[in-house]
Protein backbone atom coordinates (compact mmCIF):
# COMPACT_ATOMS: atom_id res chain seq x y z
CA UNK A 1 58.49 -8.95 28.90
CA UNK A 2 59.64 -10.30 25.53
CA UNK A 3 57.28 -9.95 22.62
CA UNK A 4 55.53 -13.08 21.39
CA UNK A 5 55.30 -14.11 17.77
CA UNK A 6 52.09 -12.96 16.10
CA UNK A 7 50.90 -16.56 15.53
CA UNK A 8 50.96 -17.25 19.30
CA UNK A 9 48.57 -14.41 20.15
CA UNK A 10 45.31 -16.29 19.32
CA UNK A 11 46.39 -19.25 21.46
CA UNK A 12 47.36 -16.94 24.30
CA UNK A 13 43.99 -15.21 24.09
CA UNK A 14 42.16 -18.56 24.07
CA UNK A 15 44.07 -19.68 27.17
CA UNK A 16 43.22 -16.46 28.97
CA UNK A 17 39.56 -16.83 28.02
CA UNK A 18 39.45 -20.40 29.34
CA UNK A 19 41.14 -19.31 32.58
CA UNK A 20 38.66 -16.46 32.97
CA UNK A 21 35.68 -18.81 32.64
CA UNK A 22 37.29 -21.33 34.99
CA UNK A 23 37.92 -18.71 37.66
CA UNK A 24 34.40 -17.35 37.24
CA UNK A 25 32.93 -20.79 37.88
CA UNK A 26 35.25 -21.65 40.78
CA UNK A 27 33.39 -19.60 43.41
CA UNK A 28 29.92 -21.03 42.77
CA UNK A 29 31.37 -24.52 42.36
CA UNK A 30 33.12 -24.27 45.73
CA UNK A 31 29.92 -23.08 47.41
CA UNK A 32 27.90 -25.92 45.88
CA UNK A 33 30.60 -28.52 46.50
CA UNK A 34 31.20 -27.23 50.03
CA UNK A 35 27.73 -28.41 50.96
CA UNK A 36 28.75 -32.04 50.47
CA UNK A 37 32.58 -32.01 50.62
CA UNK A 38 35.25 -30.37 52.74
CA UNK A 39 37.62 -27.79 51.30
CA UNK A 40 40.44 -30.32 51.37
CA UNK A 41 38.35 -32.83 49.44
CA UNK A 42 37.45 -30.24 46.81
CA UNK A 43 41.08 -29.20 46.36
CA UNK A 44 42.36 -32.78 46.21
CA UNK A 45 39.69 -33.65 43.64
CA UNK A 46 40.87 -30.74 41.50
CA UNK A 47 44.50 -31.79 41.82
CA UNK A 48 43.69 -35.43 41.05
CA UNK A 49 41.68 -34.61 37.92
CA UNK A 50 44.36 -32.31 36.48
CA UNK A 51 46.92 -35.07 35.76
CA UNK A 52 44.23 -37.18 34.11
CA UNK A 53 43.40 -34.35 31.72
CA UNK A 54 47.12 -33.65 31.23
CA UNK A 55 47.89 -37.25 30.28
CA UNK A 56 45.13 -37.35 27.67
CA UNK A 57 46.15 -33.98 26.17
CA UNK A 58 49.87 -34.78 26.27
CA UNK A 59 49.43 -38.08 24.44
CA UNK A 60 46.66 -37.22 21.98
CA UNK A 61 47.32 -33.56 21.23
CA UNK A 62 51.02 -33.01 21.90
CA UNK A 63 52.22 -36.47 20.91
CA UNK A 64 54.34 -36.77 24.05
CA UNK A 65 55.33 -40.02 25.65
CA UNK A 66 54.59 -40.42 29.34
CA UNK A 67 57.63 -41.55 31.32
CA UNK A 68 57.59 -43.81 34.35
CA UNK A 69 58.48 -40.82 36.53
CA UNK A 70 55.29 -39.08 35.43
CA UNK A 71 53.22 -42.12 36.29
CA UNK A 72 54.86 -42.46 39.71
CA UNK A 73 54.20 -38.78 40.43
CA UNK A 74 50.57 -39.08 39.36
CA UNK A 75 50.19 -42.24 41.44
CA UNK A 76 51.45 -40.35 44.49
CA UNK A 77 48.87 -37.64 43.87
CA UNK A 78 46.23 -40.38 43.71
CA UNK A 79 47.55 -41.89 46.93
CA UNK A 80 47.35 -38.49 48.60
CA UNK A 81 43.74 -38.16 47.42
CA UNK A 82 42.98 -41.58 48.88
CA UNK A 83 44.27 -40.54 52.31
CA UNK A 84 42.40 -37.21 52.26
CA UNK A 85 39.10 -38.94 51.48
CA UNK A 86 39.75 -41.87 53.83
CA UNK A 87 40.49 -39.52 56.71
CA UNK A 88 37.51 -37.30 55.97
CA UNK A 89 35.22 -36.53 58.90
CA UNK A 90 32.19 -36.06 56.63
CA UNK A 91 29.99 -39.01 55.82
């Protein structure tokens, strides 16, 4: 593995710390959420929230412009979420 510049190490460590906390909370969250939602609904909710967070971070923090292709892709994820929740057997 190539060595990373010294200035990247704190960011890398922060990312690993965030991932560690996220993974530590995933199990209890799935048990709690599983009481009211199916596994598919929980996963689709996670995948639908991720692009929303990405768009905000990409625009505000990274200064990126969102292309039409990104929006179409995110809309398809939203459409998939709609069908998962519409076809849900839980009430």
